[in-house]
Amino acid sequence: PSGLALSVLVVLLLSVLYEAIKMGKAVLLRRALLAVPRSLSQESLAEPEEGDRGDASCPQALPHGFPISHRWFWYHVGQTLFHVLQVVLGYVVMLAVMSYNAWIFIGAIVGSTLGYFV
């Protein structure tokens, strides 16, 4: 009985973690979209003209000092890691549910519900 209770608790916590990672991915996507300026017009992307003294080798930079492409890249790397972790946890929870134990199934459902609610 204690082994089953521990298994249900672990599956419940994994389901909560799955939902937390899903929300973390959404927050990271929002930050990544906010990191890109609203207006990337053709003028700002075009090469500077001959008379301009702008630095043509440096892409448009953000206030934090990172060029837009570098910040976007690191946000994308973070989203990729979150996605891999979410897929792995999803398969682990699915594997636990496929044990056809009603208590494990209830633990997965309750954990998913709690994770979404919190």
PDB file of N, CA and C in Angstrom:
ATOM      1  N   PRO A   1       0.818  -1.221   0.000  1.00  0.00           N
ATOM      2  CA  PRO A   1       0.000   0.000   0.000  1.00  0.00           C
ATOM      3  C   PRO A   1       0.851   1.270   0.000  1.00  0.00           C
ATOM      4  N   SER A   2       1.963   1.287   0.744  1.00  0.00           N
ATOM      5  CA  SER A   2       2.777   2.500   0.780  1.00  0.00           C
ATOM      6  C   SER A   2       3.485   2.717  -0.561  1.00  0.00           C
ATOM      7  N   GLY A   3       3.849   1.632  -1.247  1.00  0.00           N
ATOM      8  CA  GLY A   3       4.477   1.743  -2.561  1.00  0.00           C
ATOM      9  C   GLY A   3       3.510   2.325  -3.579  1.00  0.00           C
ATOM     10  N   LEU A   4       2.250   1.918  -3.506  1.00  0.00           N
ATOM     11  CA  LEU A   4       1.249   2.449  -4.418  1.00  0.00           C
ATOM     12  C   LEU A   4       0.983   3.922  -4.124  1.00  0.00           C
ATOM     13  N   ALA A   5       0.897   4.264  -2.847  1.00  0.00           N
ATOM     14  CA  ALA A   5       0.660   5.665  -2.476  1.00  0.00           C
ATOM     15  C   ALA A   5       1.826   6.543  -2.946  1.00  0.00           C
ATOM     16  N   LEU A   6       3.054   6.038  -2.806  1.00  0.00           N
ATOM     17  CA  LEU A   6       4.215   6.785  -3.271  1.00  0.00           C
ATOM     18  C   LEU A   6       4.194   6.931  -4.796  1.00  0.00           C
ATOM     19  N   SER A   7       3.802   5.871  -5.485  1.00  0.00           N
ATOM     20  CA  SER A   7       3.707   5.929  -6.949  1.00  0.00           C
ATOM     21  C   SER A   7       2.668   6.944  -7.396  1.00  0.00           C
ATOM     22  N   VAL A   8       1.522   6.964  -6.731  1.00  0.00           N
ATOM     23  CA  VAL A   8       0.469   7.926  -7.065  1.00  0.00           C
ATOM     24  C   VAL A   8       0.972   9.346  -6.817  1.00  0.00           C
ATOM     25  N   LEU A   9       1.669   9.552  -5.712  1.00  0.00           N
ATOM     26  CA  LEU A   9       2.206  10.872  -5.398  1.00  0.00           C
ATOM     27  C   LEU A   9       3.241  11.313  -6.439  1.00  0.00           C
ATOM     28  N   VAL A  10       4.106  10.411  -6.867  1.00  0.00           N
ATOM     29  CA  VAL A  10       5.117  10.744  -7.873  1.00  0.00           C
ATOM     30  C   VAL A  10       4.450  11.104  -9.196  1.00  0.00           C
ATOM     31  N   VAL A  11       3.450  10.319  -9.610  1.00  0.00           N
ATOM     32  CA  VAL A  11       2.745  10.616 -10.860  1.00  0.00           C
ATOM     33  C   VAL A  11       2.009  11.944 -10.740  1.00  0.00           C
ATOM     34  N   LEU A  12       1.426  12.207  -9.590  1.00  0.00           N
ATOM     35  CA  LEU A  12       0.743  13.475  -9.365  1.00  0.00           C
ATOM     36  C   LEU A  12       1.722  14.644  -9.507  1.00  0.00           C
ATOM     37  N   LEU A  13       2.895  14.524  -8.886  1.00  0.00           N
ATOM     38  CA  LEU A  13       3.898  15.594  -8.968  1.00  0.00           C
ATOM     39  C   LEU A  13       4.456  15.748 -10.383  1.00  0.00           C
ATOM     40  N   LEU A  14       4.619  14.638 -11.103  1.00  0.00           N
ATOM     41  CA  LEU A  14       5.069  14.725 -12.489  1.00  0.00           C
ATOM     42  C   LEU A  14       4.043  15.429 -13.360  1.00  0.00           C
ATOM     43  N   SER A  15       2.765  15.184 -13.095  1.00  0.00           N
ATOM     44  CA  SER A  15       1.713  15.857 -13.859  1.00  0.00           C
ATOM     45  C   SER A  15       1.680  17.352 -13.557  1.00  0.00           C
ATOM     46  N   VAL A  16       1.883  17.709 -12.297  1.00  0.00           N
ATOM     47  CA  VAL A  16       1.953  19.130 -11.932  1.00  0.00           C
ATOM     48  C   VAL A  16       3.150  19.778 -12.626  1.00  0.00           C
ATOM     49  N   LEU A  17       4.286  19.096 -12.620  1.00  0.00           N
ATOM     50  CA  LEU A  17       5.488  19.622 -13.276  1.00  0.00           C
ATOM     51  C   LEU A  17       5.277  19.770 -14.774  1.00  0.00           C
ATOM     52  N   TYR A  18       4.566  18.832 -15.385  1.00  0.00           N
ATOM     53  CA  TYR A  18       4.258  18.911 -16.817  1.00  0.00           C
ATOM     54  C   TYR A  18       3.478  20.185 -17.125  1.00  0.00           C
ATOM     55  N   GLU A  19       2.469  20.472 -16.326  1.00  0.00           N
ATOM     56  CA  GLU A  19       1.676  21.687 -16.545  1.00  0.00           C
ATOM     57  C   GLU A  19       2.493  22.943 -16.272  1.00  0.00           C
ATOM     58  N   ALA A  20       3.375  22.892 -15.279  1.00  0.00           N
ATOM     59  CA  ALA A  20       4.220  24.048 -14.984  1.00  0.00           C
ATOM     60  C   ALA A  20       5.174  24.327 -16.142  1.00  0.00           C
ATOM     61  N   ILE A  21       5.719  23.287 -16.728  1.00  0.00           N
ATOM     62  CA  ILE A  21       6.615  23.466 -17.872  1.00  0.00           C
ATOM     63  C   ILE A  21       5.847  24.018 -19.058  1.00  0.00           C
ATOM     64  N   LYS A  22       4.616  23.561 -19.231  1.00  0.00           N
ATOM     65  CA  LYS A  22       3.800  24.082 -20.327  1.00  0.00           C
ATOM     66  C   LYS A  22       3.569  25.579 -20.157  1.00  0.00           C
ATOM     67  N   MET A  23       3.319  26.015 -18.944  1.00  0.00           N
ATOM     68  CA  MET A  23       3.143  27.446 -18.686  1.00  0.00           C
ATOM     69  C   MET A  23       4.469  28.195 -18.838  1.00  0.00           C
ATOM     70  N   GLY A  24       5.559  27.589 -18.405  1.00  0.00           N
ATOM     71  CA  GLY A  24       6.872  28.208 -18.565  1.00  0.00           C
ATOM     72  C   GLY A  24       7.214  28.427 -20.024  1.00  0.00           C
ATOM     73  N   LYS A  25       6.836  27.479 -20.861  1.00  0.00           N
ATOM     74  CA  LYS A  25       7.060  27.630 -22.297  1.00  0.00           C
ATOM     75  C   LYS A  25       6.267  28.807 -22.855  1.00  0.00           C
ATOM     76  N   ALA A  26       5.044  28.973 -22.390  1.00  0.00           N
ATOM     77  CA  ALA A  26       4.213  30.090 -22.859  1.00  0.00           C
ATOM     78  C   ALA A  26       4.791  31.430 -22.405  1.00  0.00           C
ATOM     79  N   VAL A  27       5.290  31.486 -21.174  1.00  0.00           N
ATOM     80  CA  VAL A  27       5.897  32.721 -20.665  1.00  0.00           C
ATOM     81  C   VAL A  27       7.161  33.052 -21.458  1.00  0.00           C
ATOM     82  N   LEU A  28       7.959  32.033 -21.749  1.00  0.00           N
ATOM     83  CA  LEU A  28       9.181  32.261 -22.513  1.00  0.00           C
ATOM     84  C   LEU A  28       8.859  32.731 -23.929  1.00  0.00           C
ATOM     85  N   LEU A  29       7.819  32.187 -24.534  1.00  0.00           N
ATOM     86  CA  LEU A  29       7.419  32.644 -25.862  1.00  0.00           C
ATOM     87  C   LEU A  29       6.985  34.101 -25.820  1.00  0.00           C
ATOM     88  N   ARG A  30       6.254  34.478 -24.790  1.00  0.00           N
ATOM     89  CA  ARG A  30       5.813  35.871 -24.652  1.00  0.00           C
ATOM     90  C   ARG A  30       7.014  36.803 -24.522  1.00  0.00           C
ATOM     91  N   ARG A  31       7.993  36.413 -23.717  1.00  0.00           N
ATOM     92  CA  ARG A  31       9.198  37.234 -23.564  1.00  0.00           C
ATOM     93  C   ARG A  31       9.976  37.326 -24.868  1.00  0.00           C
ATOM     94  N   ALA A  32      10.025  36.230 -25.600  1.00  0.00           N
ATOM     95  CA  ALA A  32      10.738  36.240 -26.871  1.00  0.00           C
ATOM     96  C   ALA A  32      10.062  37.165 -27.863  1.00  0.00           C
ATOM     97  N   LEU A  33       8.743  37.155 -27.872  1.00  0.00           N
ATOM     98  CA  LEU A  33       8.020  38.035 -28.787  1.00  0.00           C
ATOM     99  C   LEU A  33       8.157  39.498 -28.378  1.00  0.00           C
ATOM    100  N   LEU A  34       8.246  39.761 -27.085  1.00  0.00           N
ATOM    101  CA  LEU A  34       8.439  41.131 -26.625  1.00  0.00           C
ATOM    102  C   LEU A  34       9.865  41.621 -26.883  1.00  0.00           C
ATOM    103  N   ALA A  35      10.804  40.698 -27.038  1.00  0.00           N
ATOM    104  CA  ALA A  35      12.193  41.081 -27.280  1.00  0.00           C
ATOM    105  C   ALA A  35      12.396  41.606 -28.698  1.00  0.00           C
ATOM    106  N   VAL A  36      11.514  41.224 -29.593  1.00  0.00           N
ATOM    107  CA  VAL A  36      11.622  41.688 -30.974  1.00  0.00           C
ATOM    108  C   VAL A  36      10.862  42.999 -31.090  1.00  0.00           C
ATOM    109  N   PRO A  37      11.477  44.021 -31.665  1.00  0.00           N
ATOM    110  CA  PRO A  37      10.771  45.300 -31.809  1.00  0.00           C
ATOM    111  C   PRO A  37       9.497  45.143 -32.620  1.00  0.00           C
ATOM    112  N   ARG A  38       8.503  45.995 -32.320  1.00  0.00           N
ATOM    113  CA  ARG A  38       7.214  45.913 -33.010  1.00  0.00           C
ATOM    114  C   ARG A  38       7.357  46.166 -34.496  1.00  0.00           C
ATOM    115  N   SER A  39       8.191  47.104 -34.859  1.00  0.00           N
ATOM    116  CA  SER A  39       8.292  47.476 -36.258  1.00  0.00           C
ATOM    117  C   SER A  39       9.690  47.180 -36.780  1.00  0.00           C
ATOM    118  N   LEU A  40       9.779  46.144 -37.553  1.00  0.00           N
ATOM    119  CA  LEU A  40      11.029  45.867 -38.236  1.00  0.00           C
ATOM    120  C   LEU A  40      10.806  46.238 -39.701  1.00  0.00           C
ATOM    121  N   SER A  41      10.807  47.518 -39.949  1.00  0.00           N
ATOM    122  CA  SER A  41      10.519  47.990 -41.298  1.00  0.00           C
ATOM    123  C   SER A  41      11.690  47.728 -42.219  1.00  0.00           C
ATOM    124  N   GLN A  42      11.448  47.854 -43.503  1.00  0.00           N
ATOM    125  CA  GLN A  42      12.501  47.648 -44.491  1.00  0.00           C
ATOM    126  C   GLN A  42      13.639  48.635 -44.293  1.00  0.00           C
ATOM    127  N   GLU A  43      13.325  49.847 -43.831  1.00  0.00           N
ATOM    128  CA  GLU A  43      14.377  50.841 -43.641  1.00  0.00           C
ATOM    129  C   GLU A  43      15.357  50.417 -42.556  1.00  0.00           C
ATOM    130  N   SER A  44      14.850  49.848 -41.474  1.00  0.00           N
ATOM    131  CA  SER A  44      15.749  49.475 -40.384  1.00  0.00           C
ATOM    132  C   SER A  44      16.528  48.211 -40.706  1.00  0.00           C
ATOM    133  N   LEU A  45      16.029  47.400 -41.640  1.00  0.00           N
ATOM    134  CA  LEU A  45      16.734  46.177 -42.003  1.00  0.00           C
ATOM    135  C   LEU A  45      17.697  46.380 -43.169  1.00  0.00           C
ATOM    136  N   ALA A  46      17.499  47.457 -43.906  1.00  0.00           N
ATOM    137  CA  ALA A  46      18.322  47.690 -45.096  1.00  0.00           C
ATOM    138  C   ALA A  46      19.741  48.080 -44.695  1.00  0.00           C
ATOM    139  N   GLU A  47      20.668  47.850 -45.611  1.00  0.00           N
ATOM    140  CA  GLU A  47      22.047  48.265 -45.398  1.00  0.00           C
ATOM    141  C   GLU A  47      22.091  49.788 -45.328  1.00  0.00           C
ATOM    142  N   PRO A  48      22.956  50.375 -44.520  1.00  0.00           N
ATOM    143  CA  PRO A  48      23.068  51.828 -44.486  1.00  0.00           C
ATOM    144  C   PRO A  48      23.612  52.345 -45.816  1.00  0.00           C
ATOM    145  N   GLU A  49      23.178  53.522 -46.161  1.00  0.00           N
ATOM    146  CA  GLU A  49      23.627  54.107 -47.420  1.00  0.00           C
ATOM    147  C   GLU A  49      25.068  54.572 -47.274  1.00  0.00           C
ATOM    148  N   GLU A  50      25.660  54.951 -48.408  1.00  0.00           N
ATOM    149  CA  GLU A  50      27.078  55.305 -48.425  1.00  0.00           C
ATOM    150  C   GLU A  50      27.413  56.441 -47.479  1.00  0.00           C
ATOM    151  N   GLY A  51      26.522  57.438 -47.337  1.00  0.00           N
ATOM    152  CA  GLY A  51      26.806  58.597 -46.504  1.00  0.00           C
ATOM    153  C   GLY A  51      26.602  58.352 -45.019  1.00  0.00           C
ATOM    154  N   ASP A  52      25.948  57.241 -44.651  1.00  0.00           N
ATOM    155  CA  ASP A  52      25.662  56.970 -43.236  1.00  0.00           C
ATOM    156  C   ASP A  52      26.927  56.521 -42.527  1.00  0.00           C
ATOM    157  N   ARG A  53      26.999  56.876 -41.235  1.00  0.00           N
ATOM    158  CA  ARG A  53      28.135  56.467 -40.416  1.00  0.00           C
ATOM    159  C   ARG A  53      27.766  55.295 -39.516  1.00  0.00           C
ATOM    160  N   GLY A  54      26.592  54.671 -39.750  1.00  0.00           N
ATOM    161  CA  GLY A  54      26.163  53.561 -38.904  1.00  0.00           C
ATOM    162  C   GLY A  54      27.086  52.370 -39.071  1.00  0.00           C
ATOM    163  N   ASP A  55      27.147  51.540 -38.073  1.00  0.00           N
ATOM    164  CA  ASP A  55      27.982  50.354 -38.117  1.00  0.00           C
ATOM    165  C   ASP A  55      27.230  49.252 -38.854  1.00  0.00           C
ATOM    166  N   ALA A  56      27.634  48.965 -40.076  1.00  0.00           N
ATOM    167  CA  ALA A  56      26.928  47.989 -40.905  1.00  0.00           C
ATOM    168  C   ALA A  56      27.161  46.564 -40.423  1.00  0.00           C
ATOM    169  N   SER A  57      28.231  46.320 -39.661  1.00  0.00           N
ATOM    170  CA  SER A  57      28.521  44.962 -39.230  1.00  0.00           C
ATOM    171  C   SER A  57      27.700  44.555 -38.015  1.00  0.00           C
ATOM    172  N   CYS A  58      27.120  45.492 -37.323  1.00  0.00           N
ATOM    173  CA  CYS A  58      26.356  45.204 -36.110  1.00  0.00           C
ATOM    174  C   CYS A  58      24.870  45.290 -36.409  1.00  0.00           C
ATOM    175  N   PRO A  59      24.125  44.171 -36.242  1.00  0.00           N
ATOM    176  CA  PRO A  59      22.692  44.255 -36.450  1.00  0.00           C
ATOM    177  C   PRO A  59      22.048  45.120 -35.384  1.00  0.00           C
ATOM    178  N   GLN A  60      20.798  45.455 -35.610  1.00  0.00           N
ATOM    179  CA  GLN A  60      20.078  46.316 -34.669  1.00  0.00           C
ATOM    180  C   GLN A  60      20.136  45.702 -33.274  1.00  0.00           C
ATOM    181  N   ALA A  61      20.501  46.491 -32.294  1.00  0.00           N
ATOM    182  CA  ALA A  61      20.696  45.979 -30.946  1.00  0.00           C
ATOM    183  C   ALA A  61      19.541  46.403 -30.057  1.00  0.00           C
ATOM    184  N   LEU A  62      19.339  45.617 -29.031  1.00  0.00           N
ATOM    185  CA  LEU A  62      18.324  45.900 -28.023  1.00  0.00           C
ATOM    186  C   LEU A  62      18.972  46.650 -26.872  1.00  0.00           C
ATOM    187  N   PRO A  63      18.161  47.217 -25.955  1.00  0.00           N
ATOM    188  CA  PRO A  63      18.733  47.964 -24.837  1.00  0.00           C
ATOM    189  C   PRO A  63      19.703  47.154 -23.982  1.00  0.00           C
ATOM    190  N   HIS A  64      19.543  45.820 -23.949  1.00  0.00           N
ATOM    191  CA  HIS A  64      20.414  45.008 -23.104  1.00  0.00           C
ATOM    192  C   HIS A  64      21.763  44.750 -23.751  1.00  0.00           C
ATOM    193  N   GLY A  65      21.975  45.217 -24.978  1.00  0.00           N
ATOM    194  CA  GLY A  65      23.256  45.070 -25.630  1.00  0.00           C
ATOM    195  C   GLY A  65      23.357  43.876 -26.557  1.00  0.00           C
ATOM    196  N   PHE A  66      22.397  42.959 -26.530  1.00  0.00           N
ATOM    197  CA  PHE A  66      22.436  41.815 -27.425  1.00  0.00           C
ATOM    198  C   PHE A  66      21.744  42.168 -28.726  1.00  0.00           C
ATOM    199  N   PRO A  67      22.297  41.757 -29.846  1.00  0.00           N
ATOM    200  CA  PRO A  67      21.568  41.962 -31.101  1.00  0.00           C
ATOM    201  C   PRO A  67      20.275  41.146 -31.078  1.00  0.00           C
ATOM    202  N   ILE A  68      19.302  41.574 -31.851  1.00  0.00           N
ATOM    203  CA  ILE A  68      17.997  40.912 -31.864  1.00  0.00           C
ATOM    204  C   ILE A  68      18.136  39.438 -32.188  1.00  0.00           C
ATOM    205  N   SER A  69      18.947  39.108 -33.180  1.00  0.00           N
ATOM    206  CA  SER A  69      19.060  37.709 -33.586  1.00  0.00           C
ATOM    207  C   SER A  69      19.632  36.835 -32.474  1.00  0.00           C
ATOM    208  N   HIS A  70      20.582  37.364 -31.696  1.00  0.00           N
ATOM    209  CA  HIS A  70      21.158  36.569 -30.606  1.00  0.00           C
ATOM    210  C   HIS A  70      20.158  36.355 -29.483  1.00  0.00           C
ATOM    211  N   ARG A  71      19.424  37.386 -29.110  1.00  0.00           N
ATOM    212  CA  ARG A  71      18.424  37.225 -28.041  1.00  0.00           C
ATOM    213  C   ARG A  71      17.360  36.232 -28.469  1.00  0.00           C
ATOM    214  N   TRP A  72      16.903  36.379 -29.723  1.00  0.00           N
ATOM    215  CA  TRP A  72      15.871  35.471 -30.222  1.00  0.00           C
ATOM    216  C   TRP A  72      16.397  34.035 -30.219  1.00  0.00           C
ATOM    217  N   PHE A  73      17.668  33.851 -30.591  1.00  0.00           N
ATOM    218  CA  PHE A  73      18.265  32.514 -30.604  1.00  0.00           C
ATOM    219  C   PHE A  73      18.246  31.893 -29.217  1.00  0.00           C
ATOM    220  N   TRP A  74      18.635  32.651 -28.194  1.00  0.00           N
ATOM    221  CA  TRP A  74      18.679  32.081 -26.842  1.00  0.00           C
ATOM    222  C   TRP A  74      17.282  31.810 -26.299  1.00  0.00           C
ATOM    223  N   TYR A  75      16.319  32.650 -26.647  1.00  0.00           N
ATOM    224  CA  TYR A  75      14.939  32.336 -26.263  1.00  0.00           C
ATOM    225  C   TYR A  75      14.483  31.054 -26.958  1.00  0.00           C
ATOM    226  N   HIS A  76      14.872  30.871 -28.200  1.00  0.00           N
ATOM    227  CA  HIS A  76      14.485  29.673 -28.933  1.00  0.00           C
ATOM    228  C   HIS A  76      15.143  28.431 -28.338  1.00  0.00           C
ATOM    229  N   VAL A  77      16.397  28.555 -27.913  1.00  0.00           N
ATOM    230  CA  VAL A  77      17.076  27.438 -27.251  1.00  0.00           C
ATOM    231  C   VAL A  77      16.342  27.078 -25.960  1.00  0.00           C
ATOM    232  N   GLY A  78      15.953  28.088 -25.184  1.00  0.00           N
ATOM    233  CA  GLY A  78      15.197  27.827 -23.957  1.00  0.00           C
ATOM    234  C   GLY A  78      13.872  27.146 -24.237  1.00  0.00           C
ATOM    235  N   GLN A  79      13.167  27.604 -25.261  1.00  0.00           N
ATOM    236  CA  GLN A  79      11.900  26.978 -25.619  1.00  0.00           C
ATOM    237  C   GLN A  79      12.112  25.537 -26.066  1.00  0.00           C
ATOM    238  N   THR A  80      13.183  25.279 -26.777  1.00  0.00           N
ATOM    239  CA  THR A  80      13.469  23.916 -27.224  1.00  0.00           C
ATOM    240  C   THR A  80      13.716  23.001 -26.037  1.00  0.00           C
ATOM    241  N   LEU A  81      14.487  23.475 -25.064  1.00  0.00           N
ATOM    242  CA  LEU A  81      14.749  22.659 -23.870  1.00  0.00           C
ATOM    243  C   LEU A  81      13.465  22.408 -23.083  1.00  0.00           C
ATOM    244  N   PHE A  82      12.638  23.446 -22.948  1.00  0.00           N
ATOM    245  CA  PHE A  82      11.343  23.261 -22.286  1.00  0.00           C
ATOM    246  C   PHE A  82      10.494  22.239 -23.037  1.00  0.00           C
ATOM    247  N   HIS A  83      10.525  22.295 -24.367  1.00  0.00           N
ATOM    248  CA  HIS A  83       9.718  21.377 -25.164  1.00  0.00           C
ATOM    249  C   HIS A  83      10.180  19.931 -24.971  1.00  0.00           C
ATOM    250  N   VAL A  84      11.500  19.713 -24.999  1.00  0.00           N
ATOM    251  CA  VAL A  84      12.029  18.360 -24.808  1.00  0.00           C
ATOM    252  C   VAL A  84      11.639  17.828 -23.443  1.00  0.00           C
ATOM    253  N   LEU A  85      11.782  18.653 -22.421  1.00  0.00           N
ATOM    254  CA  LEU A  85      11.406  18.239 -21.070  1.00  0.00           C
ATOM    255  C   LEU A  85       9.916  17.940 -20.978  1.00  0.00           C
ATOM    256  N   GLN A  86       9.098  18.749 -21.632  1.00  0.00           N
ATOM    257  CA  GLN A  86       7.651  18.531 -21.615  1.00  0.00           C
ATOM    258  C   GLN A  86       7.289  17.216 -22.313  1.00  0.00           C
ATOM    259  N   VAL A  87       7.917  16.926 -23.437  1.00  0.00           N
ATOM    260  CA  VAL A  87       7.631  15.679 -24.151  1.00  0.00           C
ATOM    261  C   VAL A  87       8.046  14.474 -23.318  1.00  0.00           C
ATOM    262  N   VAL A  88       9.230  14.536 -22.717  1.00  0.00           N
ATOM    263  CA  VAL A  88       9.703  13.419 -21.889  1.00  0.00           C
ATOM    264  C   VAL A  88       8.760  13.188 -20.713  1.00  0.00           C
ATOM    265  N   LEU A  89       8.383  14.256 -20.021  1.00  0.00           N
ATOM    266  CA  LEU A  89       7.458  14.098 -18.891  1.00  0.00           C
ATOM    267  C   LEU A  89       6.101  13.578 -19.351  1.00  0.00           C
ATOM    268  N   GLY A  90       5.635  14.044 -20.501  1.00  0.00           N
ATOM    269  CA  GLY A  90       4.363  13.561 -21.029  1.00  0.00           C
ATOM    270  C   GLY A  90       4.388  12.064 -21.285  1.00  0.00           C
ATOM    271  N   TYR A  91       5.498  11.583 -21.861  1.00  0.00           N
ATOM    272  CA  TYR A  91       5.609  10.150 -22.113  1.00  0.00           C
ATOM    273  C   TYR A  91       5.733   9.351 -20.819  1.00  0.00           C
ATOM    274  N   VAL A  92       6.425   9.897 -19.834  1.00  0.00           N
ATOM    275  CA  VAL A  92       6.551   9.198 -18.552  1.00  0.00           C
ATOM    276  C   VAL A  92       5.177   9.081 -17.879  1.00  0.00           C
ATOM    277  N   VAL A  93       4.409  10.158 -17.886  1.00  0.00           N
ATOM    278  CA  VAL A  93       3.073  10.115 -17.288  1.00  0.00           C
ATOM    279  C   VAL A  93       2.188   9.162 -18.090  1.00  0.00           C
ATOM    280  N   MET A  94       2.284   9.195 -19.414  1.00  0.00           N
ATOM    281  CA  MET A  94       1.487   8.285 -20.233  1.00  0.00           C
ATOM    282  C   MET A  94       1.857   6.832 -19.946  1.00  0.00           C
ATOM    283  N   LEU A  95       3.141   6.567 -19.793  1.00  0.00           N
ATOM    284  CA  LEU A  95       3.577   5.210 -19.477  1.00  0.00           C
ATOM    285  C   LEU A  95       3.021   4.755 -18.133  1.00  0.00           C
ATOM    286  N   ALA A  96       3.000   5.662 -17.162  1.00  0.00           N
ATOM    287  CA  ALA A  96       2.438   5.319 -15.850  1.00  0.00           C
ATOM    288  C   ALA A  96       0.942   5.039 -15.958  1.00  0.00           C
ATOM    289  N   VAL A  97       0.237   5.845 -16.737  1.00  0.00           N
ATOM    290  CA  VAL A  97      -1.212   5.643 -16.904  1.00  0.00           C
ATOM    291  C   VAL A  97      -1.480   4.329 -17.635  1.00  0.00           C
ATOM    292  N   MET A  98      -0.590   3.966 -18.553  1.00  0.00           N
ATOM    293  CA  MET A  98      -0.775   2.721 -19.304  1.00  0.00           C
ATOM    294  C   MET A  98      -0.547   1.474 -18.458  1.00  0.00           C
ATOM    295  N   SER A  99      -0.238   1.646 -17.196  1.00  0.00           N
ATOM    296  CA  SER A  99      -0.167   0.501 -16.286  1.00  0.00           C
ATOM    297  C   SER A  99      -1.574   0.008 -15.938  1.00  0.00           C
ATOM    298  N   TYR A 100      -2.582   0.734 -16.375  1.00  0.00           N
ATOM    299  CA  TYR A 100      -3.999   0.384 -16.165  1.00  0.00           C
ATOM    300  C   TYR A 100      -4.352   0.259 -14.688  1.00  0.00           C
ATOM    301  N   ASN A 101      -3.720   1.088 -13.881  1.00  0.00           N
ATOM    302  CA  ASN A 101      -4.056   1.153 -12.466  1.00  0.00           C
ATOM    303  C   ASN A 101      -4.919   2.399 -12.268  1.00  0.00           C
ATOM    304  N   ALA A 102      -6.094   2.214 -11.703  1.00  0.00           N
ATOM    305  CA  ALA A 102      -7.036   3.334 -11.543  1.00  0.00           C
ATOM    306  C   ALA A 102      -6.464   4.425 -10.648  1.00  0.00           C
ATOM    307  N   TRP A 103      -5.723   4.048  -9.606  1.00  0.00           N
ATOM    308  CA  TRP A 103      -5.179   5.052  -8.693  1.00  0.00           C
ATOM    309  C   TRP A 103      -4.107   5.906  -9.379  1.00  0.00           C
ATOM    310  N   ILE A 104      -3.284   5.267 -10.203  1.00  0.00           N
ATOM    311  CA  ILE A 104      -2.270   6.009 -10.952  1.00  0.00           C
ATOM    312  C   ILE A 104      -2.961   6.969 -11.918  1.00  0.00           C
ATOM    313  N   PHE A 105      -4.008   6.482 -12.575  1.00  0.00           N
ATOM    314  CA  PHE A 105      -4.759   7.326 -13.507  1.00  0.00           C
ATOM    315  C   PHE A 105      -5.354   8.532 -12.785  1.00  0.00           C
ATOM    316  N   ILE A 106      -5.939   8.298 -11.627  1.00  0.00           N
ATOM    317  CA  ILE A 106      -6.528   9.395 -10.836  1.00  0.00           C
ATOM    318  C   ILE A 106      -5.430  10.372 -10.403  1.00  0.00           C
ATOM    319  N   GLY A 107      -4.263   9.845 -10.016  1.00  0.00           N
ATOM    320  CA  GLY A 107      -3.145  10.714  -9.640  1.00  0.00           C
ATOM    321  C   GLY A 107      -2.708  11.603 -10.797  1.00  0.00           C
ATOM    322  N   ALA A 108      -2.687  11.047 -12.016  1.00  0.00           N
ATOM    323  CA  ALA A 108      -2.299  11.840 -13.190  1.00  0.00           C
ATOM    324  C   ALA A 108      -3.336  12.920 -13.471  1.00  0.00           C
ATOM    325  N   ILE A 109      -4.605  12.590 -13.355  1.00  0.00           N
ATOM    326  CA  ILE A 109      -5.679  13.559 -13.612  1.00  0.00           C
ATOM    327  C   ILE A 109      -5.665  14.664 -12.556  1.00  0.00           C
ATOM    328  N   VAL A 110      -5.555  14.282 -11.291  1.00  0.00           N
ATOM    329  CA  VAL A 110      -5.534  15.275 -10.210  1.00  0.00           C
ATOM    330  C   VAL A 110      -4.291  16.163 -10.331  1.00  0.00           C
ATOM    331  N   GLY A 111      -3.149  15.578 -10.649  1.00  0.00           N
ATOM    332  CA  GLY A 111      -1.925  16.367 -10.817  1.00  0.00           C
ATOM    333  C   GLY A 111      -2.028  17.349 -11.973  1.00  0.00           C
ATOM    334  N   SER A 112      -2.611  16.905 -13.063  1.00  0.00           N
ATOM    335  CA  SER A 112      -2.793  17.794 -14.207  1.00  0.00           C
ATOM    336  C   SER A 112      -3.758  18.924 -13.863  1.00  0.00           C
ATOM    337  N   THR A 113      -4.796  18.603 -13.132  1.00  0.00           N
ATOM    338  CA  THR A 113      -5.767  19.618 -12.723  1.00  0.00           C
ATOM    339  C   THR A 113      -5.127  20.630 -11.779  1.00  0.00           C
ATOM    340  N   LEU A 114      -4.382  20.132 -10.794  1.00  0.00           N
ATOM    341  CA  LEU A 114      -3.703  21.036  -9.850  1.00  0.00           C
ATOM    342  C   LEU A 114      -2.665  21.909 -10.562  1.00  0.00           C
ATOM    343  N   GLY A 115      -1.913  21.293 -11.462  1.00  0.00           N
ATOM    344  CA  GLY A 115      -0.895  22.043 -12.181  1.00  0.00           C
ATOM    345  C   GLY A 115      -1.492  23.142 -13.040  1.00  0.00           C
ATOM    346  N   TYR A 116      -2.626  22.876 -13.656  1.00  0.00           N
ATOM    347  CA  TYR A 116      -3.273  23.897 -14.472  1.00  0.00           C
ATOM    348  C   TYR A 116      -3.867  24.989 -13.589  1.00  0.00           C
ATOM    349  N   PHE A 117      -4.441  24.587 -12.455  1.00  0.00           N
ATOM    350  CA  PHE A 117      -5.082  25.544 -11.557  1.00  0.00           C
ATOM    351  C   PHE A 117      -4.059  26.485 -10.934  1.00  0.00           C
ATOM    352  N   VAL A 118      -2.935  25.950 -10.535  1.00  0.00           N
ATOM    353  CA  VAL A 118      -1.899  26.753  -9.889  1.00  0.00           C
ATOM    354  C   VAL A 118      -1.184  27.529 -10.940  1.00  0.00           C
TER     355      VAL A 118
END
